[in-house]
Protein backbone atom coordinates (compact mmCIF):
# COMPACT_ATOMS: atom_id res chain seq x y z
CA PHE A 1 131.10 40.63 -128.47
CA LYS A 2 133.87 38.85 -129.79
CA LEU A 3 135.98 39.71 -126.90
CA GLY A 4 133.33 38.68 -124.30
CA PHE A 5 132.85 35.15 -126.31
CA LEU A 6 136.77 34.73 -126.24
CA LEU A 7 137.08 35.48 -122.56
CA ALA A 8 133.85 33.21 -121.42
CA GLN A 9 135.56 30.50 -123.56
CA LYS A 10 138.63 30.85 -121.33
CA TYR A 11 137.22 31.81 -117.91
CA ASP A 12 134.92 30.71 -115.75
CA LEU A 13 134.38 33.95 -113.61
CA LEU A 14 134.12 37.74 -114.75
CA VAL A 15 135.37 40.19 -111.84
CA LEU A 16 134.65 43.49 -112.64
CA GLU A 17 134.89 47.01 -110.84
CA ASP A 18 131.62 48.25 -109.47
CA LEU A 19 132.73 51.61 -111.01
CA ASP A 20 130.31 54.36 -111.05
CA THR A 21 131.09 56.15 -114.46
CA GLU A 22 128.35 58.85 -114.32
CA GLY A 23 129.43 59.69 -110.81
CA LEU A 24 132.86 60.06 -112.28
CA ILE A 25 131.63 62.10 -115.03
CA GLN A 26 129.59 64.49 -112.77
CA LYS A 27 132.46 65.05 -110.33
CA GLY A 28 134.28 68.35 -110.86
CA VAL A 29 136.57 66.94 -113.53
CA THR A 30 138.09 68.50 -116.36
CA ARG A 31 136.40 68.84 -119.64
CA THR A 32 138.98 66.74 -121.07
CA ARG A 33 138.53 64.05 -118.76
CA ARG A 34 134.98 64.07 -118.88
CA MET A 35 134.90 63.65 -122.82
CA ARG A 36 137.06 60.86 -122.24
CA LEU A 37 135.05 59.03 -120.08
CA TYR A 38 132.09 59.73 -122.45
CA ASP A 39 133.93 58.09 -125.18
CA SER A 40 135.45 55.24 -123.27
CA SER A 41 131.94 53.36 -123.01
CA PHE A 42 132.60 51.54 -120.13
CA SER A 43 129.22 50.36 -119.24
CA GLU A 44 128.40 49.35 -122.76
CA LEU A 45 131.54 47.11 -122.55
CA ARG A 46 130.88 45.69 -118.97
CA ARG A 47 127.14 45.02 -120.37
CA CYS A 48 128.26 42.96 -123.24
CA LEU A 49 130.80 40.97 -120.88
CA GLU A 50 128.21 40.34 -118.50
CA TRP A 51 125.74 39.29 -120.95
CA VAL A 52 128.20 36.90 -122.63
CA PHE A 53 129.13 35.53 -119.37
CA LEU A 54 125.78 34.81 -117.97
CA LYS A 55 124.42 33.48 -121.43
CA ARG A 56 126.93 30.64 -120.93
CA GLY A 57 126.17 30.22 -117.31
CA LYS A 58 129.58 31.64 -115.98
CA THR A 59 129.76 33.61 -112.66
CA VAL A 60 129.85 37.44 -112.71
CA LEU A 61 130.94 39.41 -109.60
CA ALA A 62 131.26 43.03 -109.16
CA VAL A 63 133.84 44.39 -106.66
CA SER A 64 134.20 47.76 -105.00
CA ALA A 65 136.34 49.95 -106.96
CA TYR A 66 137.33 52.26 -104.06
CA ASN A 67 140.83 52.49 -103.80
CA THR A 68 141.95 49.40 -106.05
CA SER A 69 144.94 51.54 -107.59
CA ARG A 70 145.73 52.74 -104.33
CA GLU A 71 145.63 49.43 -102.35
CA CYS A 72 148.53 47.17 -101.83
CA PHE A 73 148.11 43.80 -103.30
CA LEU A 74 150.38 42.18 -100.92
CA CYS A 75 149.94 44.33 -97.82
CA GLY A 76 146.91 46.18 -98.02
CA GLY A 77 148.47 49.14 -97.29
CA ILE A 78 146.83 52.57 -99.04
CA ASN A 79 149.56 54.67 -101.14
CA LYS A 80 147.79 57.96 -100.70
CA GLY A 81 150.76 59.40 -102.64
CA LEU A 82 149.85 58.05 -105.63
CA THR A 83 148.40 60.10 -108.37
CA LEU A 84 146.62 59.33 -111.69
CA GLU A 85 150.00 60.38 -113.73
CA ASP A 86 151.60 57.42 -111.85
CA ARG A 87 151.77 54.40 -114.05
CA VAL A 88 153.61 52.21 -111.43
CA PHE A 89 152.22 51.29 -108.29
CA HIS A 90 155.13 51.13 -105.41
CA CYS A 91 153.97 50.32 -101.79
CA PRO A 92 155.55 52.61 -99.09
CA PHE A 93 154.92 49.70 -96.44
CA CYS A 94 156.25 46.65 -97.81
CA GLY A 95 158.20 47.78 -100.97
CA PHE A 96 156.13 45.72 -103.51
CA THR A 97 156.26 47.27 -107.10
CA LEU A 98 154.18 46.71 -110.03
CA ASP A 99 152.22 48.21 -113.06
CA ARG A 100 149.65 50.06 -111.56
CA ASP A 101 146.52 48.52 -113.51
CA LEU A 102 148.17 45.07 -112.85
CA ASN A 103 148.25 45.49 -108.99
CA ALA A 104 144.74 47.00 -109.41
CA SER A 105 143.13 43.97 -110.96
CA LEU A 106 144.93 41.66 -108.40
CA VAL A 107 143.21 43.65 -105.73
CA LEU A 108 139.97 43.12 -107.47
CA LEU A 109 140.75 39.36 -107.66
CA LYS A 110 141.66 39.41 -103.81
CA ARG A 111 138.36 40.88 -102.87
CA ALA A 112 136.48 38.26 -105.00
CA GLY A 113 137.91 35.90 -102.78
CA TRP A 114 141.03 34.71 -105.09
CA VAL A 115 144.31 34.08 -103.06
CA PRO A 116 147.36 33.02 -105.15
CA SER A 117 148.66 29.52 -104.28
CA ALA A 118 151.87 30.51 -102.68
CA VAL A 119 150.07 32.76 -100.30
CA ALA A 120 147.40 30.16 -99.41
CA CYS A 121 150.04 27.79 -98.54
CA GLY A 122 151.41 29.76 -95.83
CA ALA A 123 154.29 31.42 -97.87
CA SER A 124 154.85 35.24 -96.85
CA PRO A 125 153.72 37.51 -99.64
CA ASN A 126 156.58 39.62 -99.44
CA THR A 127 158.55 36.72 -100.80
CA SER A 128 156.22 34.95 -102.76
CA PRO A 129 158.11 33.88 -106.29
CA SER A 130 155.03 33.53 -108.10
CA LEU A 131 154.13 37.19 -108.17
CA PRO A 132 155.41 39.14 -111.11
CA ARG A 133 157.99 42.18 -111.24
CA VAL A 134 157.87 44.24 -113.85
CA LYS A 135 160.58 47.29 -115.15
CA LYS A 136 159.46 50.53 -115.40
CA GLU A 137 159.18 50.45 -119.40
CA GLU A 138 157.32 47.30 -119.52
CA ALA A 139 154.99 48.93 -116.72
CA ARG A 140 154.53 51.94 -119.20
CA TRP A 141 153.21 49.40 -121.69
CA GLY A 142 151.02 47.59 -119.22
CA PHE A 143 152.16 44.08 -119.85
CA GLU A 144 154.81 41.74 -118.25
CA ALA A 145 157.83 40.62 -120.62
CA GLY A 146 157.01 37.25 -122.02
CA SER A 147 153.31 37.40 -121.30
CA PRO A 148 151.10 36.62 -124.25
CA ALA A 149 149.52 39.28 -126.24
CA LEU A 150 145.63 39.27 -126.36
């Protein structure tokens, strides 16, 4: 609950993947992956975050999880060659490169209706200076250099 209270204190909107973890577990995945999914407690974390945000009168949006990791945040192209082992997203259509998880979170925000200020004012998304780029070693750890640690 501590994380939920910290996030609700700082943000007015919570955007979550509408992820069917039971469906993921029942699909033909390996035993190791099933055990990891059982251990991860996605639904418990989600319930906790939703409860805290709703209790404080904040907005909670569930957005379709379909292809969030494969969709390019900038151009919307789908990188069908991306595998689960690939940690860096590279768009074959526009050349955009970013940590895979960060790209997926930006896709979720975009689906929720958020548009970065540089794109909203008519600038080309491909040349937007406000969009972060990460080096391969930074992408491996899932953070951008200089970003505050949680």
